[in-house]
Amino acid sequence: MTDDRAPLPFARPLPPAFRRRTVTLDAGDSRPFDPDEWADALILIEDGVLELECLDGERRRFHRGHVIWLDGLPLRCLRNPGAGPAVLVAVSRWRGAVR
């Protein structure tokens, strides 16, 4: 049996060419989607629930442990429909890092 509350993989130190950002949405909060904020980032849902709202109004939910990519998606906003905070950890290359 595994522990569902065990630390998730992005908690480890990253190589110098990468950066990590943590974004927290409180219960019921939403924020407009800014494509530049999420460019080139893998996003881990570290805790809670994240709902993505597309420009056409369609919505998709992601939960703790899901890894998502928002780059290039037609999104309107990110929303937390849960009762507790949604914690997102975004890992991307430092701008200007050699590919």
PDB file of N, CA and C in Angstrom:
ATOM      1  N   MET A   1       0.845  -1.176   0.000  1.00  0.00           N
ATOM      2  CA  MET A   1       0.000   0.000   0.000  1.00  0.00           C
ATOM      3  C   MET A   1       0.893   1.243   0.000  1.00  0.00           C
ATOM      4  N   THR A   2       0.497   2.271  -0.736  1.00  0.00           N
ATOM      5  CA  THR A   2       1.272   3.507  -0.779  1.00  0.00           C
ATOM      6  C   THR A   2       0.603   4.570   0.076  1.00  0.00           C
ATOM      7  N   ASP A   3       1.398   5.520   0.516  1.00  0.00           N
ATOM      8  CA  ASP A   3       0.897   6.640   1.307  1.00  0.00           C
ATOM      9  C   ASP A   3       0.497   7.759   0.351  1.00  0.00           C
ATOM     10  N   ASP A   4      -0.788   8.081   0.269  1.00  0.00           N
ATOM     11  CA  ASP A   4      -1.264   9.127  -0.636  1.00  0.00           C
ATOM     12  C   ASP A   4      -0.785  10.517  -0.244  1.00  0.00           C
ATOM     13  N   ARG A   5      -0.248  10.683   0.948  1.00  0.00           N
ATOM     14  CA  ARG A   5       0.217  11.990   1.400  1.00  0.00           C
ATOM     15  C   ARG A   5       1.746  12.105   1.302  1.00  0.00           C
ATOM     16  N   ALA A   6       2.409  11.109   0.735  1.00  0.00           N
ATOM     17  CA  ALA A   6       3.867  11.147   0.599  1.00  0.00           C
ATOM     18  C   ALA A   6       4.274  12.320  -0.281  1.00  0.00           C
ATOM     19  N   PRO A   7       5.492  12.850  -0.087  1.00  0.00           N
ATOM     20  CA  PRO A   7       5.951  13.962  -0.931  1.00  0.00           C
ATOM     21  C   PRO A   7       5.928  13.586  -2.411  1.00  0.00           C
ATOM     22  N   LEU A   8       5.552  14.533  -3.221  1.00  0.00           N
ATOM     23  CA  LEU A   8       5.504  14.319  -4.661  1.00  0.00           C
ATOM     24  C   LEU A   8       6.862  14.653  -5.286  1.00  0.00           C
ATOM     25  N   PRO A   9       7.134  14.190  -6.495  1.00  0.00           N
ATOM     26  CA  PRO A   9       8.483  14.220  -7.060  1.00  0.00           C
ATOM     27  C   PRO A   9       9.093  15.603  -7.281  1.00  0.00           C
ATOM     28  N   PHE A  10       8.334  16.660  -7.434  1.00  0.00           N
ATOM     29  CA  PHE A  10       8.931  17.962  -7.704  1.00  0.00           C
ATOM     30  C   PHE A  10       9.512  18.598  -6.445  1.00  0.00           C
ATOM     31  N   ALA A  11       9.447  17.912  -5.304  1.00  0.00           N
ATOM     32  CA  ALA A  11      10.007  18.439  -4.062  1.00  0.00           C
ATOM     33  C   ALA A  11      11.528  18.312  -4.035  1.00  0.00           C
ATOM     34  N   ARG A  12      12.094  17.494  -4.902  1.00  0.00           N
ATOM     35  CA  ARG A  12      13.544  17.293  -4.949  1.00  0.00           C
ATOM     36  C   ARG A  12      14.242  18.513  -5.554  1.00  0.00           C
ATOM     37  N   PRO A  13      15.538  18.683  -5.247  1.00  0.00           N
ATOM     38  CA  PRO A  13      16.287  19.782  -5.870  1.00  0.00           C
ATOM     39  C   PRO A  13      16.310  19.633  -7.393  1.00  0.00           C
ATOM     40  N   LEU A  14      16.261  20.760  -8.082  1.00  0.00           N
ATOM     41  CA  LEU A  14      16.270  20.764  -9.549  1.00  0.00           C
ATOM     42  C   LEU A  14      17.649  21.121 -10.068  1.00  0.00           C
ATOM     43  N   PRO A  15      17.978  20.674 -11.277  1.00  0.00           N
ATOM     44  CA  PRO A  15      19.222  21.115 -11.908  1.00  0.00           C
ATOM     45  C   PRO A  15      19.196  22.637 -12.097  1.00  0.00           C
ATOM     46  N   PRO A  16      20.353  23.280 -12.182  1.00  0.00           N
ATOM     47  CA  PRO A  16      20.413  24.739 -12.266  1.00  0.00           C
ATOM     48  C   PRO A  16      19.691  25.350 -13.468  1.00  0.00           C
ATOM     49  N   ALA A  17      19.490  24.604 -14.536  1.00  0.00           N
ATOM     50  CA  ALA A  17      18.830  25.156 -15.732  1.00  0.00           C
ATOM     51  C   ALA A  17      17.315  25.258 -15.573  1.00  0.00           C
ATOM     52  N   PHE A  18      16.777  24.793 -14.439  1.00  0.00           N
ATOM     53  CA  PHE A  18      15.329  24.792 -14.233  1.00  0.00           C
ATOM     54  C   PHE A  18      14.942  25.653 -13.041  1.00  0.00           C
ATOM     55  N   ARG A  19      13.698  26.087 -13.055  1.00  0.00           N
ATOM     56  CA  ARG A  19      13.178  26.841 -11.910  1.00  0.00           C
ATOM     57  C   ARG A  19      11.842  26.251 -11.484  1.00  0.00           C
ATOM     58  N   ARG A  20      11.518  26.443 -10.231  1.00  0.00           N
ATOM     59  CA  ARG A  20      10.261  25.948  -9.663  1.00  0.00           C
ATOM     60  C   ARG A  20       9.502  27.143  -9.089  1.00  0.00           C
ATOM     61  N   ARG A  21       8.205  27.184  -9.369  1.00  0.00           N
ATOM     62  CA  ARG A  21       7.307  28.197  -8.791  1.00  0.00           C
ATOM     63  C   ARG A  21       6.145  27.480  -8.143  1.00  0.00           C
ATOM     64  N   THR A  22       5.701  27.990  -7.033  1.00  0.00           N
ATOM     65  CA  THR A  22       4.520  27.441  -6.383  1.00  0.00           C
ATOM     66  C   THR A  22       3.423  28.498  -6.424  1.00  0.00           C
ATOM     67  N   VAL A  23       2.242  28.089  -6.888  1.00  0.00           N
ATOM     68  CA  VAL A  23       1.082  28.971  -6.968  1.00  0.00           C
ATOM     69  C   VAL A  23      -0.027  28.324  -6.147  1.00  0.00           C
ATOM     70  N   THR A  24      -0.610  29.089  -5.246  1.00  0.00           N
ATOM     71  CA  THR A  24      -1.703  28.581  -4.413  1.00  0.00           C
ATOM     72  C   THR A  24      -2.979  29.347  -4.721  1.00  0.00           C
ATOM     73  N   LEU A  25      -4.045  28.608  -4.974  1.00  0.00           N
ATOM     74  CA  LEU A  25      -5.377  29.193  -5.145  1.00  0.00           C
ATOM     75  C   LEU A  25      -6.199  28.776  -3.936  1.00  0.00           C
ATOM     76  N   ASP A  26      -6.691  29.734  -3.175  1.00  0.00           N
ATOM     77  CA  ASP A  26      -7.542  29.411  -2.033  1.00  0.00           C
ATOM     78  C   ASP A  26      -8.876  28.847  -2.509  1.00  0.00           C
ATOM     79  N   ALA A  27      -9.569  28.178  -1.624  1.00  0.00           N
ATOM     80  CA  ALA A  27     -10.873  27.582  -1.950  1.00  0.00           C
ATOM     81  C   ALA A  27     -11.790  28.633  -2.573  1.00  0.00           C
ATOM     82  N   GLY A  28     -12.362  28.302  -3.728  1.00  0.00           N
ATOM     83  CA  GLY A  28     -13.290  29.197  -4.403  1.00  0.00           C
ATOM     84  C   GLY A  28     -12.641  30.272  -5.253  1.00  0.00           C
ATOM     85  N   ASP A  29     -11.318  30.425  -5.183  1.00  0.00           N
ATOM     86  CA  ASP A  29     -10.627  31.464  -5.953  1.00  0.00           C
ATOM     87  C   ASP A  29     -10.454  31.052  -7.411  1.00  0.00           C
ATOM     88  N   SER A  30     -10.292  32.069  -8.251  1.00  0.00           N
ATOM     89  CA  SER A  30      -9.945  31.832  -9.651  1.00  0.00           C
ATOM     90  C   SER A  30      -8.970  32.917 -10.068  1.00  0.00           C
ATOM     91  N   ARG A  31      -8.279  32.673 -11.170  1.00  0.00           N
ATOM     92  CA  ARG A  31      -7.377  33.675 -11.729  1.00  0.00           C
ATOM     93  C   ARG A  31      -7.417  33.567 -13.238  1.00  0.00           C
ATOM     94  N   PRO A  32      -7.365  34.713 -13.915  1.00  0.00           N
ATOM     95  CA  PRO A  32      -7.356  34.681 -15.373  1.00  0.00           C
ATOM     96  C   PRO A  32      -6.134  33.916 -15.873  1.00  0.00           C
ATOM     97  N   PHE A  33      -6.296  33.250 -16.991  1.00  0.00           N
ATOM     98  CA  PHE A  33      -5.183  32.521 -17.588  1.00  0.00           C
ATOM     99  C   PHE A  33      -4.284  33.497 -18.326  1.00  0.00           C
ATOM    100  N   ASP A  34      -3.008  33.495 -17.977  1.00  0.00           N
ATOM    101  CA  ASP A  34      -1.988  34.302 -18.652  1.00  0.00           C
ATOM    102  C   ASP A  34      -1.018  33.323 -19.299  1.00  0.00           C
ATOM    103  N   PRO A  35      -1.037  33.171 -20.618  1.00  0.00           N
ATOM    104  CA  PRO A  35      -0.195  32.178 -21.274  1.00  0.00           C
ATOM    105  C   PRO A  35       1.295  32.351 -20.973  1.00  0.00           C
ATOM    106  N   ASP A  36       1.759  33.590 -20.805  1.00  0.00           N
ATOM    107  CA  ASP A  36       3.175  33.813 -20.512  1.00  0.00           C
ATOM    108  C   ASP A  36       3.571  33.251 -19.144  1.00  0.00           C
ATOM    109  N   GLU A  37       2.645  33.267 -18.204  1.00  0.00           N
ATOM    110  CA  GLU A  37       2.932  32.769 -16.857  1.00  0.00           C
ATOM    111  C   GLU A  37       3.210  31.262 -16.853  1.00  0.00           C
ATOM    112  N   TRP A  38       2.593  30.535 -17.790  1.00  0.00           N
ATOM    113  CA  TRP A  38       2.688  29.075 -17.790  1.00  0.00           C
ATOM    114  C   TRP A  38       3.489  28.514 -18.963  1.00  0.00           C
ATOM    115  N   ALA A  39       4.107  29.390 -19.759  1.00  0.00           N
ATOM    116  CA  ALA A  39       4.874  28.948 -20.927  1.00  0.00           C
ATOM    117  C   ALA A  39       6.000  28.004 -20.513  1.00  0.00           C
ATOM    118  N   ASP A  40       6.118  26.897 -21.219  1.00  0.00           N
ATOM    119  CA  ASP A  40       7.219  25.949 -21.054  1.00  0.00           C
ATOM    120  C   ASP A  40       7.238  25.277 -19.673  1.00  0.00           C
ATOM    121  N   ALA A  41       6.110  25.198 -18.990  1.00  0.00           N
ATOM    122  CA  ALA A  41       6.099  24.644 -17.630  1.00  0.00           C
ATOM    123  C   ALA A  41       5.297  23.350 -17.549  1.00  0.00           C
ATOM    124  N   LEU A  42       5.865  22.391 -16.840  1.00  0.00           N
ATOM    125  CA  LEU A  42       5.105  21.228 -16.388  1.00  0.00           C
ATOM    126  C   LEU A  42       4.532  21.615 -15.037  1.00  0.00           C
ATOM    127  N   ILE A  43       3.259  21.331 -14.839  1.00  0.00           N
ATOM    128  CA  ILE A  43       2.593  21.729 -13.599  1.00  0.00           C
ATOM    129  C   ILE A  43       2.113  20.497 -12.862  1.00  0.00           C
ATOM    130  N   LEU A  44       2.525  20.391 -11.629  1.00  0.00           N
ATOM    131  CA  LEU A  44       2.108  19.310 -10.753  1.00  0.00           C
ATOM    132  C   LEU A  44       1.050  19.846  -9.807  1.00  0.00           C
ATOM    133  N   ILE A  45      -0.092  19.153  -9.721  1.00  0.00           N
ATOM    134  CA  ILE A  45      -1.093  19.517  -8.720  1.00  0.00           C
ATOM    135  C   ILE A  45      -0.619  18.863  -7.419  1.00  0.00           C
ATOM    136  N   GLU A  46       0.010  19.669  -6.568  1.00  0.00           N
ATOM    137  CA  GLU A  46       0.592  19.140  -5.341  1.00  0.00           C
ATOM    138  C   GLU A  46      -0.471  18.866  -4.279  1.00  0.00           C
ATOM    139  N   ASP A  47      -1.546  19.645  -4.307  1.00  0.00           N
ATOM    140  CA  ASP A  47      -2.638  19.433  -3.355  1.00  0.00           C
ATOM    141  C   ASP A  47      -3.905  20.089  -3.884  1.00  0.00           C
ATOM    142  N   GLY A  48      -5.036  19.533  -3.521  1.00  0.00           N
ATOM    143  CA  GLY A  48      -6.316  20.126  -3.877  1.00  0.00           C
ATOM    144  C   GLY A  48      -6.811  19.753  -5.263  1.00  0.00           C
ATOM    145  N   VAL A  49      -7.699  20.614  -5.772  1.00  0.00           N
ATOM    146  CA  VAL A  49      -8.352  20.402  -7.066  1.00  0.00           C
ATOM    147  C   VAL A  49      -8.183  21.662  -7.907  1.00  0.00           C
ATOM    148  N   LEU A  50      -7.841  21.480  -9.172  1.00  0.00           N
ATOM    149  CA  LEU A  50      -7.737  22.590 -10.112  1.00  0.00           C
ATOM    150  C   LEU A  50      -8.733  22.358 -11.232  1.00  0.00           C
ATOM    151  N   GLU A  51      -9.490  23.387 -11.545  1.00  0.00           N
ATOM    152  CA  GLU A  51     -10.418  23.324 -12.679  1.00  0.00           C
ATOM    153  C   GLU A  51      -9.950  24.331 -13.721  1.00  0.00           C
ATOM    154  N   LEU A  52      -9.828  23.870 -14.959  1.00  0.00           N
ATOM    155  CA  LEU A  52      -9.467  24.733 -16.076  1.00  0.00           C
ATOM    156  C   LEU A  52     -10.715  25.062 -16.865  1.00  0.00           C
ATOM    157  N   GLU A  53     -10.933  26.335 -17.136  1.00  0.00           N
ATOM    158  CA  GLU A  53     -12.067  26.746 -17.960  1.00  0.00           C
ATOM    159  C   GLU A  53     -11.545  27.200 -19.314  1.00  0.00           C
ATOM    160  N   CYS A  54     -12.031  26.539 -20.378  1.00  0.00           N
ATOM    161  CA  CYS A  54     -11.638  26.877 -21.748  1.00  0.00           C
ATOM    162  C   CYS A  54     -12.396  28.112 -22.228  1.00  0.00           C
ATOM    163  N   LEU A  55     -11.932  28.691 -23.311  1.00  0.00           N
ATOM    164  CA  LEU A  55     -12.591  29.866 -23.882  1.00  0.00           C
ATOM    165  C   LEU A  55     -14.030  29.574 -24.299  1.00  0.00           C
ATOM    166  N   ASP A  56     -14.313  28.305 -24.668  1.00  0.00           N
ATOM    167  CA  ASP A  56     -15.680  27.950 -25.068  1.00  0.00           C
ATOM    168  C   ASP A  56     -16.571  27.592 -23.870  1.00  0.00           C
ATOM    169  N   GLY A  57     -16.040  27.724 -22.638  1.00  0.00           N
ATOM    170  CA  GLY A  57     -16.826  27.446 -21.434  1.00  0.00           C
ATOM    171  C   GLY A  57     -16.689  26.037 -20.891  1.00  0.00           C
ATOM    172  N   GLU A  58     -16.106  25.131 -21.676  1.00  0.00           N
ATOM    173  CA  GLU A  58     -15.914  23.760 -21.200  1.00  0.00           C
ATOM    174  C   GLU A  58     -14.908  23.765 -20.051  1.00  0.00           C
ATOM    175  N   ARG A  59     -15.105  22.843 -19.093  1.00  0.00           N
ATOM    176  CA  ARG A  59     -14.233  22.781 -17.919  1.00  0.00           C
ATOM    177  C   ARG A  59     -13.700  21.365 -17.711  1.00  0.00           C
ATOM    178  N   ARG A  60     -12.488  21.288 -17.191  1.00  0.00           N
ATOM    179  CA  ARG A  60     -11.853  20.015 -16.852  1.00  0.00           C
ATOM    180  C   ARG A  60     -11.238  20.140 -15.472  1.00  0.00           C
ATOM    181  N   ARG A  61     -11.341  19.066 -14.677  1.00  0.00           N
ATOM    182  CA  ARG A  61     -10.781  19.064 -13.321  1.00  0.00           C
ATOM    183  C   ARG A  61      -9.583  18.140 -13.216  1.00  0.00           C
ATOM    184  N   PHE A  62      -8.626  18.589 -12.415  1.00  0.00           N
ATOM    185  CA  PHE A  62      -7.417  17.831 -12.141  1.00  0.00           C
ATOM    186  C   PHE A  62      -7.203  17.812 -10.634  1.00  0.00           C
ATOM    187  N   HIS A  63      -6.669  16.706 -10.136  1.00  0.00           N
ATOM    188  CA  HIS A  63      -6.537  16.491  -8.695  1.00  0.00           C
ATOM    189  C   HIS A  63      -5.088  16.257  -8.308  1.00  0.00           C
ATOM    190  N   ARG A  64      -4.858  16.214  -7.006  1.00  0.00           N
ATOM    191  CA  ARG A  64      -3.524  15.978  -6.443  1.00  0.00           C
ATOM    192  C   ARG A  64      -2.832  14.820  -7.174  1.00  0.00           C
ATOM    193  N   GLY A  65      -1.594  15.072  -7.587  1.00  0.00           N
ATOM    194  CA  GLY A  65      -0.809  14.053  -8.266  1.00  0.00           C
ATOM    195  C   GLY A  65      -0.842  14.146  -9.781  1.00  0.00           C
ATOM    196  N   HIS A  66      -1.806  14.862 -10.342  1.00  0.00           N
ATOM    197  CA  HIS A  66      -1.852  15.027 -11.792  1.00  0.00           C
ATOM    198  C   HIS A  66      -0.748  15.980 -12.245  1.00  0.00           C
ATOM    199  N   VAL A  67      -0.193  15.706 -13.413  1.00  0.00           N
ATOM    200  CA  VAL A  67       0.793  16.581 -14.040  1.00  0.00           C
ATOM    201  C   VAL A  67       0.170  17.066 -15.342  1.00  0.00           C
ATOM    202  N   ILE A  68       0.177  18.388 -15.542  1.00  0.00           N
ATOM    203  CA  ILE A  68      -0.477  18.973 -16.715  1.00  0.00           C
ATOM    204  C   ILE A  68       0.470  19.944 -17.426  1.00  0.00           C
ATOM    205  N   TRP A  69       0.082  20.293 -18.645  1.00  0.00           N
ATOM    206  CA  TRP A  69       0.812  21.230 -19.503  1.00  0.00           C
ATOM    207  C   TRP A  69      -0.205  22.220 -20.024  1.00  0.00           C
ATOM    208  N   LEU A  70      -0.011  23.506 -19.774  1.00  0.00           N
ATOM    209  CA  LEU A  70      -0.987  24.513 -20.191  1.00  0.00           C
ATOM    210  C   LEU A  70      -0.557  25.305 -21.419  1.00  0.00           C
ATOM    211  N   ASP A  71       0.680  25.160 -21.817  1.00  0.00           N
ATOM    212  CA  ASP A  71       1.233  25.922 -22.934  1.00  0.00           C
ATOM    213  C   ASP A  71       0.421  25.678 -24.204  1.00  0.00           C
ATOM    214  N   GLY A  72      -0.078  26.764 -24.795  1.00  0.00           N
ATOM    215  CA  GLY A  72      -0.800  26.671 -26.054  1.00  0.00           C
ATOM    216  C   GLY A  72      -2.271  26.312 -25.945  1.00  0.00           C
ATOM    217  N   LEU A  73      -2.801  26.163 -24.733  1.00  0.00           N
ATOM    218  CA  LEU A  73      -4.213  25.809 -24.581  1.00  0.00           C
ATOM    219  C   LEU A  73      -5.102  27.050 -24.601  1.00  0.00           C
ATOM    220  N   PRO A  74      -6.309  26.938 -25.154  1.00  0.00           N
ATOM    221  CA  PRO A  74      -7.240  28.079 -25.215  1.00  0.00           C
ATOM    222  C   PRO A  74      -8.029  28.192 -23.904  1.00  0.00           C
ATOM    223  N   LEU A  75      -7.391  28.725 -22.864  1.00  0.00           N
ATOM    224  CA  LEU A  75      -8.013  28.784 -21.542  1.00  0.00           C
ATOM    225  C   LEU A  75      -8.448  30.192 -21.179  1.00  0.00           C
ATOM    226  N   ARG A  76      -9.519  30.269 -20.420  1.00  0.00           N
ATOM    227  CA  ARG A  76     -10.024  31.535 -19.880  1.00  0.00           C
ATOM    228  C   ARG A  76      -9.476  31.764 -18.473  1.00  0.00           C
ATOM    229  N   CYS A  77      -9.566  30.712 -17.614  1.00  0.00           N
ATOM    230  CA  CYS A  77      -9.121  30.895 -16.241  1.00  0.00           C
ATOM    231  C   CYS A  77      -8.804  29.564 -15.573  1.00  0.00           C
ATOM    232  N   LEU A  78      -8.134  29.666 -14.426  1.00  0.00           N
ATOM    233  CA  LEU A  78      -7.853  28.547 -13.546  1.00  0.00           C
ATOM    234  C   LEU A  78      -8.689  28.777 -12.300  1.00  0.00           C
ATOM    235  N   ARG A  79      -9.300  27.725 -11.785  1.00  0.00           N
ATOM    236  CA  ARG A  79     -10.238  27.868 -10.668  1.00  0.00           C
ATOM    237  C   ARG A  79     -10.014  26.743  -9.670  1.00  0.00           C
ATOM    238  N   ASN A  80     -10.252  27.069  -8.396  1.00  0.00           N
ATOM    239  CA  ASN A  80     -10.222  26.052  -7.350  1.00  0.00           C
ATOM    240  C   ASN A  80     -11.647  25.832  -6.862  1.00  0.00           C
ATOM    241  N   PRO A  81     -12.292  24.721  -7.270  1.00  0.00           N
ATOM    242  CA  PRO A  81     -13.656  24.437  -6.825  1.00  0.00           C
ATOM    243  C   PRO A  81     -13.692  23.674  -5.499  1.00  0.00           C
ATOM    244  N   GLY A  82     -12.523  23.373  -4.937  1.00  0.00           N
ATOM    245  CA  GLY A  82     -12.448  22.548  -3.734  1.00  0.00           C
ATOM    246  C   GLY A  82     -12.682  23.321  -2.449  1.00  0.00           C
ATOM    247  N   ALA A  83     -12.686  22.563  -1.347  1.00  0.00           N
ATOM    248  CA  ALA A  83     -12.911  23.140  -0.019  1.00  0.00           C
ATOM    249  C   ALA A  83     -11.624  23.652   0.613  1.00  0.00           C
ATOM    250  N   GLY A  84     -10.474  23.207   0.101  1.00  0.00           N
ATOM    251  CA  GLY A  84      -9.179  23.642   0.627  1.00  0.00           C
ATOM    252  C   GLY A  84      -8.347  24.241  -0.476  1.00  0.00           C
ATOM    253  N   PRO A  85      -7.124  24.679  -0.143  1.00  0.00           N
ATOM    254  CA  PRO A  85      -6.279  25.306  -1.159  1.00  0.00           C
ATOM    255  C   PRO A  85      -5.849  24.326  -2.246  1.00  0.00           C
ATOM    256  N   ALA A  86      -5.682  24.842  -3.452  1.00  0.00           N
ATOM    257  CA  ALA A  86      -5.087  24.095  -4.558  1.00  0.00           C
ATOM    258  C   ALA A  86      -3.658  24.611  -4.695  1.00  0.00           C
ATOM    259  N   VAL A  87      -2.698  23.697  -4.600  1.00  0.00           N
ATOM    260  CA  VAL A  87      -1.285  24.072  -4.677  1.00  0.00           C
ATOM    261  C   VAL A  87      -0.709  23.513  -5.965  1.00  0.00           C
ATOM    262  N   LEU A  88      -0.206  24.407  -6.814  1.00  0.00           N
ATOM    263  CA  LEU A  88       0.374  24.038  -8.099  1.00  0.00           C
ATOM    264  C   LEU A  88       1.868  24.301  -8.052  1.00  0.00           C
ATOM    265  N   VAL A  89       2.644  23.343  -8.524  1.00  0.00           N
ATOM    266  CA  VAL A  89       4.092  23.517  -8.616  1.00  0.00           C
ATOM    267  C   VAL A  89       4.447  23.472 -10.097  1.00  0.00           C
ATOM    268  N   ALA A  90       4.980  24.583 -10.597  1.00  0.00           N
ATOM    269  CA  ALA A  90       5.344  24.694 -12.005  1.00  0.00           C
ATOM    270  C   ALA A  90       6.856  24.618 -12.136  1.00  0.00           C
ATOM    271  N   VAL A  91       7.319  23.723 -13.002  1.00  0.00           N
ATOM    272  CA  VAL A  91       8.744  23.575 -13.271  1.00  0.00           C
ATOM    273  C   VAL A  91       8.974  23.907 -14.741  1.00  0.00           C
ATOM    274  N   SER A  92       9.900  24.835 -14.967  1.00  0.00           N
ATOM    275  CA  SER A  92      10.218  25.230 -16.337  1.00  0.00           C
ATOM    276  C   SER A  92      11.706  25.548 -16.434  1.00  0.00           C
ATOM    277  N   ARG A  93      12.172  25.693 -17.681  1.00  0.00           N
ATOM    278  CA  ARG A  93      13.563  26.096 -17.882  1.00  0.00           C
ATOM    279  C   ARG A  93      13.689  27.575 -17.558  1.00  0.00           C
ATOM    280  N   TRP A  94      14.854  27.963 -17.011  1.00  0.00           N
ATOM    281  CA  TRP A  94      15.136  29.378 -16.845  1.00  0.00           C
ATOM    282  C   TRP A  94      15.145  29.984 -18.230  1.00  0.00           C
ATOM    283  N   ARG A  95      14.588  31.143 -18.375  1.00  0.00           N
ATOM    284  CA  ARG A  95      14.632  31.816 -19.685  1.00  0.00           C
ATOM    285  C   ARG A  95      16.089  32.040 -20.051  1.00  0.00           C
ATOM    286  N   GLY A  96      16.445  31.683 -21.267  1.00  0.00           N
ATOM    287  CA  GLY A  96      17.812  31.822 -21.710  1.00  0.00           C
ATOM    288  C   GLY A  96      18.660  30.588 -21.464  1.00  0.00           C
ATOM    289  N   ALA A  97      18.082  29.562 -20.802  1.00  0.00           N
ATOM    290  CA  ALA A  97      18.832  28.327 -20.552  1.00  0.00           C
ATOM    291  C   ALA A  97      19.069  27.627 -21.887  1.00  0.00           C
ATOM    292  N   VAL A  98      20.196  26.997 -22.013  1.00  0.00           N
ATOM    293  CA  VAL A  98      20.533  26.262 -23.241  1.00  0.00           C
ATOM    294  C   VAL A  98      19.676  25.031 -23.322  1.00  0.00           C
ATOM    295  N   ARG A  99      19.067  24.796 -24.481  1.00  0.00           N
ATOM    296  CA  ARG A  99      18.218  23.621 -24.677  1.00  0.00           C
ATOM    297  C   ARG A  99      19.027  22.461 -25.119  1.00  0.00           C
TER     298      ARG A  99
END
